[in-house]
Amino acid sequence: MDTLKKTMLLGLIAFFMLNYTYAQNYKDIQEAFSQSYQFEKKAEYSKAIDVLKKVYEEKSYELNLRLGWLTYLSGLFTESTAYYQKSIALMPLSIEAKLGYVNPAAALGNWEQVKTQYIEILKIDPKNYTANYRMGLIFYGKKNYMAAVKHFEILADLYPFDYDALIMYAWCDYFLQKTREAKVLFNKAIMNRPADASALEGLSLIK
């Protein structure tokens, strides 16, 4: 009986000590985050990174995500992708980590990796604005207007008066020889941005 009581007592002590350690860790991490934001405001990115590395835990999604951003700002693109990859591994459904990853990947010219992340985002959130818009731009840049228009159409349905969606949708329709639809979209774009050069150019090409 005494042995059982001693075991229970030791277990309780261990439990409270563990919780106390976690509380201490959270306090240290929160302070490190606070300092990193202050350094970031002053564009002192190396200091912002160093303060977080002092409390770094490999299994912390938040620390990896934050370090991914700061190393990207510092121009450490390879290191940045590594932190974002860890964030994605820890939280596979995280859209913010995937969107973060594309920044250093694009800076490194890894366009297939960029495209892969957008595809993964759209699997999770088919109506995601950023992923649809940028996938549309990728296809538009390759003159694959049929593929591009599908993404811009989604955005125009969700955000009917969004300039970026309207103007890209309009140009896709123009190149797909849907001039009637393109004319309507160009005119709506001008309603959003009066005398917009791109929309006026599009209208001037439609007879």
C-alpha atoms as a PDB file:
ATOM      1  CA  MET A   1       0.000   0.000   0.000  1.00  0.00           C
ATOM      2  CA  ASP A   2       2.828   2.373   0.903  1.00  0.00           C
ATOM      3  CA  THR A   3       4.529   1.477  -2.352  1.00  0.00           C
ATOM      4  CA  LEU A   4       1.364   2.348  -4.291  1.00  0.00           C
ATOM      5  CA  LYS A   5       1.062   5.693  -2.501  1.00  0.00           C
ATOM      6  CA  LYS A   6       4.705   6.493  -3.245  1.00  0.00           C
ATOM      7  CA  THR A   7       4.196   5.604  -6.919  1.00  0.00           C
ATOM      8  CA  MET A   8       1.120   7.812  -7.163  1.00  0.00           C
ATOM      9  CA  LEU A   9       2.916  10.660  -5.407  1.00  0.00           C
ATOM     10  CA  LEU A  10       5.886  10.393  -7.774  1.00  0.00           C
ATOM     11  CA  GLY A  11       3.494  10.328 -10.709  1.00  0.00           C
ATOM     12  CA  LEU A  12       1.767  13.499  -9.533  1.00  0.00           C
ATOM     13  CA  ILE A  13       5.089  15.239  -8.981  1.00  0.00           C
ATOM     14  CA  ALA A  14       6.228  14.253 -12.468  1.00  0.00           C
ATOM     15  CA  PHE A  15       2.919  15.489 -13.934  1.00  0.00           C
ATOM     16  CA  PHE A  16       3.158  18.903 -12.288  1.00  0.00           C
ATOM     17  CA  MET A  17       6.840  19.239 -13.135  1.00  0.00           C
ATOM     18  CA  LEU A  18       6.085  18.448 -16.786  1.00  0.00           C
ATOM     19  CA  ASN A  19       3.289  21.016 -16.899  1.00  0.00           C
ATOM     20  CA  TYR A  20       5.531  23.560 -15.207  1.00  0.00           C
ATOM     21  CA  THR A  21       8.219  22.921 -17.832  1.00  0.00           C
ATOM     22  CA  TYR A  22       5.697  23.378 -20.644  1.00  0.00           C
ATOM     23  CA  ALA A  23       4.521  26.628 -19.029  1.00  0.00           C
ATOM     24  CA  GLN A  24       8.103  27.832 -18.845  1.00  0.00           C
ATOM     25  CA  ASN A  25       8.693  26.840 -22.485  1.00  0.00           C
ATOM     26  CA  TYR A  26       5.578  28.672 -23.636  1.00  0.00           C
ATOM     27  CA  LYS A  27       6.638  31.775 -21.757  1.00  0.00           C
ATOM     28  CA  ASP A  28      10.120  31.679 -23.306  1.00  0.00           C
ATOM     29  CA  ILE A  29       8.734  31.014 -26.791  1.00  0.00           C
ATOM     30  CA  GLN A  30       6.150  33.782 -26.504  1.00  0.00           C
ATOM     31  CA  GLU A  31       8.854  36.219 -25.421  1.00  0.00           C
ATOM     32  CA  ALA A  32      11.057  35.099 -28.325  1.00  0.00           C
ATOM     33  CA  PHE A  33       8.195  35.655 -30.775  1.00  0.00           C
ATOM     34  CA  SER A  34       7.573  39.101 -29.322  1.00  0.00           C
ATOM     35  CA  GLN A  35      11.230  40.045 -29.740  1.00  0.00           C
ATOM     36  CA  SER A  36      11.308  38.637 -33.278  1.00  0.00           C
ATOM     37  CA  TYR A  37       8.384  40.867 -34.303  1.00  0.00           C
ATOM     38  CA  GLN A  38      10.195  43.896 -32.919  1.00  0.00           C
ATOM     39  CA  PHE A  39      13.370  43.022 -34.817  1.00  0.00           C
ATOM     40  CA  GLU A  40      11.374  42.371 -38.004  1.00  0.00           C
ATOM     41  CA  LYS A  41       9.810  45.844 -37.837  1.00  0.00           C
ATOM     42  CA  LYS A  42      13.339  47.268 -37.875  1.00  0.00           C
ATOM     43  CA  ALA A  43      14.346  44.908 -40.724  1.00  0.00           C
ATOM     44  CA  GLU A  44      16.858  43.257 -38.388  1.00  0.00           C
ATOM     45  CA  TYR A  45      16.033  39.812 -39.699  1.00  0.00           C
ATOM     46  CA  SER A  46      19.171  38.026 -38.492  1.00  0.00           C
ATOM     47  CA  LYS A  47      18.443  39.098 -34.927  1.00  0.00           C
ATOM     48  CA  ALA A  48      14.819  38.018 -35.298  1.00  0.00           C
ATOM     49  CA  ILE A  49      16.023  34.610 -36.475  1.00  0.00           C
ATOM     50  CA  ASP A  50      18.622  34.226 -33.734  1.00  0.00           C
ATOM     51  CA  VAL A  51      16.175  34.942 -30.938  1.00  0.00           C
ATOM     52  CA  LEU A  52      13.850  32.213 -32.214  1.00  0.00           C
ATOM     53  CA  LYS A  53      16.632  29.699 -32.724  1.00  0.00           C
ATOM     54  CA  LYS A  54      17.433  29.960 -29.025  1.00  0.00           C
ATOM     55  CA  VAL A  55      14.043  28.410 -28.201  1.00  0.00           C
ATOM     56  CA  TYR A  56      13.752  26.293 -31.357  1.00  0.00           C
ATOM     57  CA  GLU A  57      11.872  23.003 -31.144  1.00  0.00           C
ATOM     58  CA  GLU A  58      11.817  20.901 -34.297  1.00  0.00           C
ATOM     59  CA  LYS A  59       8.253  19.724 -33.688  1.00  0.00           C
ATOM     60  CA  SER A  60       6.874  23.231 -33.268  1.00  0.00           C
ATOM     61  CA  TYR A  61       4.764  24.192 -36.265  1.00  0.00           C
ATOM     62  CA  GLU A  62       4.698  27.837 -35.241  1.00  0.00           C
ATOM     63  CA  LEU A  63       8.473  28.168 -34.853  1.00  0.00           C
ATOM     64  CA  ASN A  64       9.155  26.501 -38.198  1.00  0.00           C
ATOM     65  CA  LEU A  65       6.574  28.673 -39.930  1.00  0.00           C
ATOM     66  CA  ARG A  66       7.950  31.865 -38.427  1.00  0.00           C
ATOM     67  CA  LEU A  67      11.542  30.924 -39.215  1.00  0.00           C
ATOM     68  CA  GLY A  68      10.498  30.071 -42.766  1.00  0.00           C
ATOM     69  CA  TRP A  69       9.199  33.607 -43.183  1.00  0.00           C
ATOM     70  CA  LEU A  70      12.158  35.324 -41.551  1.00  0.00           C
ATOM     71  CA  THR A  71      14.772  33.347 -43.477  1.00  0.00           C
ATOM     72  CA  TYR A  72      12.876  34.174 -46.670  1.00  0.00           C
ATOM     73  CA  LEU A  73      13.058  37.873 -45.816  1.00  0.00           C
ATOM     74  CA  SER A  74      16.774  37.415 -45.175  1.00  0.00           C
ATOM     75  CA  GLY A  75      17.311  35.926 -48.621  1.00  0.00           C
ATOM     76  CA  LEU A  76      18.120  32.491 -47.184  1.00  0.00           C
ATOM     77  CA  PHE A  77      15.776  30.781 -49.608  1.00  0.00           C
ATOM     78  CA  THR A  78      17.029  27.198 -49.287  1.00  0.00           C
ATOM     79  CA  GLU A  79      16.871  27.400 -45.503  1.00  0.00           C
ATOM     80  CA  SER A  80      13.439  28.956 -45.757  1.00  0.00           C
ATOM     81  CA  THR A  81      12.029  26.114 -47.860  1.00  0.00           C
ATOM     82  CA  ALA A  82      13.402  23.634 -45.314  1.00  0.00           C
ATOM     83  CA  TYR A  83      11.515  25.327 -42.460  1.00  0.00           C
ATOM     84  CA  TYR A  84       8.321  25.516 -44.498  1.00  0.00           C
ATOM     85  CA  GLN A  85       8.664  21.840 -45.427  1.00  0.00           C
ATOM     86  CA  LYS A  86       8.858  20.992 -41.733  1.00  0.00           C
ATOM     87  CA  SER A  87       5.744  23.079 -41.116  1.00  0.00           C
ATOM     88  CA  ILE A  88       3.883  21.238 -43.876  1.00  0.00           C
ATOM     89  CA  ALA A  89       5.026  17.862 -42.530  1.00  0.00           C
ATOM     90  CA  LEU A  90       3.725  18.806 -39.077  1.00  0.00           C
ATOM     91  CA  MET A  91       0.420  20.216 -40.363  1.00  0.00           C
ATOM     92  CA  PRO A  92      -0.279  18.671 -43.798  1.00  0.00           C
ATOM     93  CA  LEU A  93      -3.540  20.598 -44.282  1.00  0.00           C
ATOM     94  CA  SER A  94      -1.958  23.973 -43.557  1.00  0.00           C
ATOM     95  CA  ILE A  95      -2.610  26.341 -46.436  1.00  0.00           C
ATOM     96  CA  GLU A  96      -0.578  29.134 -44.859  1.00  0.00           C
ATOM     97  CA  ALA A  97       2.533  26.935 -44.772  1.00  0.00           C
ATOM     98  CA  LYS A  98       2.086  25.958 -48.426  1.00  0.00           C
ATOM     99  CA  LEU A  99       1.594  29.582 -49.450  1.00  0.00           C
ATOM    100  CA  GLY A 100       4.670  30.473 -47.430  1.00  0.00           C
ATOM    101  CA  TYR A 101       6.700  27.761 -49.153  1.00  0.00           C
ATOM    102  CA  VAL A 102       6.033  29.104 -52.643  1.00  0.00           C
ATOM    103  CA  ASN A 103       7.824  32.390 -51.878  1.00  0.00           C
ATOM    104  CA  PRO A 104      11.347  30.981 -51.432  1.00  0.00           C
ATOM    105  CA  ALA A 105      10.654  28.255 -54.005  1.00  0.00           C
ATOM    106  CA  ALA A 106       9.787  30.931 -56.576  1.00  0.00           C
ATOM    107  CA  ALA A 107      12.858  32.947 -55.576  1.00  0.00           C
ATOM    108  CA  LEU A 108      14.965  29.854 -56.287  1.00  0.00           C
ATOM    109  CA  GLY A 109      13.217  29.353 -59.630  1.00  0.00           C
ATOM    110  CA  ASN A 110      11.700  26.029 -58.573  1.00  0.00           C
ATOM    111  CA  TRP A 111       8.495  26.583 -60.535  1.00  0.00           C
ATOM    112  CA  GLU A 112       7.393  22.952 -60.529  1.00  0.00           C
ATOM    113  CA  GLN A 113       7.511  22.960 -56.737  1.00  0.00           C
ATOM    114  CA  VAL A 114       5.513  26.185 -56.738  1.00  0.00           C
ATOM    115  CA  LYS A 115       2.894  24.649 -59.017  1.00  0.00           C
ATOM    116  CA  THR A 116       2.772  21.506 -56.885  1.00  0.00           C
ATOM    117  CA  GLN A 117       1.970  23.533 -53.776  1.00  0.00           C
ATOM    118  CA  TYR A 118      -0.851  25.390 -55.523  1.00  0.00           C
ATOM    119  CA  ILE A 119      -2.304  22.085 -56.706  1.00  0.00           C
ATOM    120  CA  GLU A 120      -2.116  20.721 -53.158  1.00  0.00           C
ATOM    121  CA  ILE A 121      -3.848  23.824 -51.829  1.00  0.00           C
ATOM    122  CA  LEU A 122      -6.660  23.474 -54.356  1.00  0.00           C
ATOM    123  CA  LYS A 123      -7.163  19.864 -53.313  1.00  0.00           C
ATOM    124  CA  ILE A 124      -7.812  21.126 -49.786  1.00  0.00           C
ATOM    125  CA  ASP A 125      -9.605  24.340 -50.726  1.00  0.00           C
ATOM    126  CA  PRO A 126     -10.793  24.336 -54.375  1.00  0.00           C
ATOM    127  CA  LYS A 127     -11.959  27.941 -54.127  1.00  0.00           C
ATOM    128  CA  ASN A 128      -8.828  29.393 -52.571  1.00  0.00           C
ATOM    129  CA  TYR A 129      -8.296  32.852 -54.069  1.00  0.00           C
ATOM    130  CA  THR A 130      -4.507  32.985 -54.120  1.00  0.00           C
ATOM    131  CA  ALA A 131      -3.967  29.486 -55.473  1.00  0.00           C
ATOM    132  CA  ASN A 132      -6.591  29.903 -58.198  1.00  0.00           C
ATOM    133  CA  TYR A 133      -5.287  33.299 -59.242  1.00  0.00           C
ATOM    134  CA  ARG A 134      -1.655  32.216 -59.421  1.00  0.00           C
ATOM    135  CA  MET A 135      -2.454  28.944 -61.183  1.00  0.00           C
ATOM    136  CA  GLY A 136      -4.435  31.011 -63.670  1.00  0.00           C
ATOM    137  CA  LEU A 137      -1.401  33.240 -64.196  1.00  0.00           C
ATOM    138  CA  ILE A 138       0.858  30.224 -64.705  1.00  0.00           C
ATOM    139  CA  PHE A 139      -1.408  28.818 -67.428  1.00  0.00           C
ATOM    140  CA  TYR A 140      -1.933  32.275 -68.937  1.00  0.00           C
ATOM    141  CA  GLY A 141       1.819  32.770 -69.156  1.00  0.00           C
ATOM    142  CA  LYS A 142       2.033  29.501 -71.088  1.00  0.00           C
ATOM    143  CA  LYS A 143      -0.810  30.696 -73.378  1.00  0.00           C
ATOM    144  CA  ASN A 144      -2.976  27.830 -72.164  1.00  0.00           C
ATOM    145  CA  TYR A 145      -6.036  30.069 -71.984  1.00  0.00           C
ATOM    146  CA  MET A 146      -8.495  27.204 -71.712  1.00  0.00           C
ATOM    147  CA  ALA A 147      -6.876  26.014 -68.483  1.00  0.00           C
ATOM    148  CA  ALA A 148      -6.323  29.541 -67.186  1.00  0.00           C
ATOM    149  CA  VAL A 149      -9.903  30.701 -67.678  1.00  0.00           C
ATOM    150  CA  LYS A 150     -11.235  27.963 -65.395  1.00  0.00           C
ATOM    151  CA  HIS A 151      -9.351  29.462 -62.458  1.00  0.00           C
ATOM    152  CA  PHE A 152     -10.316  33.063 -63.211  1.00  0.00           C
ATOM    153  CA  GLU A 153     -13.943  32.053 -63.729  1.00  0.00           C
ATOM    154  CA  ILE A 154     -14.025  30.556 -60.230  1.00  0.00           C
ATOM    155  CA  LEU A 155     -12.727  33.815 -58.784  1.00  0.00           C
ATOM    156  CA  ALA A 156     -15.103  35.968 -60.824  1.00  0.00           C
ATOM    157  CA  ASP A 157     -18.027  33.905 -59.531  1.00  0.00           C
ATOM    158  CA  LEU A 158     -16.857  34.325 -55.945  1.00  0.00           C
ATOM    159  CA  TYR A 159     -15.711  37.948 -56.277  1.00  0.00           C
ATOM    160  CA  PRO A 160     -17.775  39.411 -59.151  1.00  0.00           C
ATOM    161  CA  PHE A 161     -16.313  42.912 -58.834  1.00  0.00           C
ATOM    162  CA  ASP A 162     -12.694  41.966 -58.141  1.00  0.00           C
ATOM    163  CA  TYR A 163     -10.486  43.779 -60.672  1.00  0.00           C
ATOM    164  CA  ASP A 164      -7.727  41.162 -60.911  1.00  0.00           C
ATOM    165  CA  ALA A 165     -10.210  38.359 -61.531  1.00  0.00           C
ATOM    166  CA  LEU A 166     -12.189  40.413 -64.052  1.00  0.00           C
ATOM    167  CA  ILE A 167      -9.259  41.606 -66.130  1.00  0.00           C
ATOM    168  CA  MET A 168      -7.605  38.202 -66.398  1.00  0.00           C
ATOM    169  CA  TYR A 169     -10.936  36.515 -67.135  1.00  0.00           C
ATOM    170  CA  ALA A 170     -11.530  39.128 -69.842  1.00  0.00           C
ATOM    171  CA  TRP A 171      -8.165  38.572 -71.521  1.00  0.00           C
ATOM    172  CA  CYS A 172      -8.634  34.792 -71.454  1.00  0.00           C
ATOM    173  CA  ASP A 173     -12.020  35.158 -73.107  1.00  0.00           C
ATOM    174  CA  TYR A 174     -10.513  37.501 -75.684  1.00  0.00           C
ATOM    175  CA  PHE A 175      -7.810  35.019 -76.652  1.00  0.00           C
ATOM    176  CA  LEU A 176     -10.417  32.241 -76.699  1.00  0.00           C
ATOM    177  CA  GLN A 177     -12.312  34.411 -79.208  1.00  0.00           C
ATOM    178  CA  LYS A 178     -15.220  34.944 -76.836  1.00  0.00           C
ATOM    179  CA  THR A 179     -15.262  38.627 -77.702  1.00  0.00           C
ATOM    180  CA  ARG A 180     -18.802  39.328 -76.491  1.00  0.00           C
ATOM    181  CA  GLU A 181     -18.018  37.962 -73.019  1.00  0.00           C
ATOM    182  CA  ALA A 182     -14.627  39.681 -73.012  1.00  0.00           C
ATOM    183  CA  LYS A 183     -16.214  43.054 -73.814  1.00  0.00           C
ATOM    184  CA  VAL A 184     -18.569  42.772 -70.850  1.00  0.00           C
ATOM    185  CA  LEU A 185     -15.707  41.865 -68.525  1.00  0.00           C
ATOM    186  CA  PHE A 186     -13.432  44.647 -69.783  1.00  0.00           C
ATOM    187  CA  ASN A 187     -16.214  47.167 -69.179  1.00  0.00           C
ATOM    188  CA  LYS A 188     -16.762  45.849 -65.654  1.00  0.00           C
ATOM    189  CA  ALA A 189     -13.042  46.150 -64.999  1.00  0.00           C
ATOM    190  CA  ILE A 190     -13.228  49.817 -66.016  1.00  0.00           C
ATOM    191  CA  MET A 191     -16.089  50.309 -63.580  1.00  0.00           C
ATOM    192  CA  ASN A 192     -13.731  49.075 -60.875  1.00  0.00           C
ATOM    193  CA  ARG A 193     -10.723  51.032 -62.159  1.00  0.00           C
ATOM    194  CA  PRO A 194     -11.781  53.968 -64.340  1.00  0.00           C
ATOM    195  CA  ALA A 195      -9.623  54.496 -67.440  1.00  0.00           C
ATOM    196  CA  ASP A 196      -7.726  51.265 -66.772  1.00  0.00           C
ATOM    197  CA  ALA A 197      -5.102  50.884 -69.512  1.00  0.00           C
ATOM    198  CA  SER A 198      -5.352  47.099 -69.816  1.00  0.00           C
ATOM    199  CA  ALA A 199      -9.135  47.085 -70.084  1.00  0.00           C
ATOM    200  CA  LEU A 200      -9.127  49.962 -72.589  1.00  0.00           C
ATOM    201  CA  GLU A 201      -6.559  48.136 -74.686  1.00  0.00           C
ATOM    202  CA  GLY A 202      -8.743  45.042 -74.677  1.00  0.00           C
ATOM    203  CA  LEU A 203     -11.792  47.017 -75.774  1.00  0.00           C
ATOM    204  CA  SER A 204      -9.830  48.691 -78.550  1.00  0.00           C
ATOM    205  CA  LEU A 205      -8.999  45.248 -79.986  1.00  0.00           C
ATOM    206  CA  ILE A 206     -12.653  44.182 -80.060  1.00  0.00           C
ATOM    207  CA  LYS A 207     -14.521  45.406 -83.118  1.00  0.00           C
END
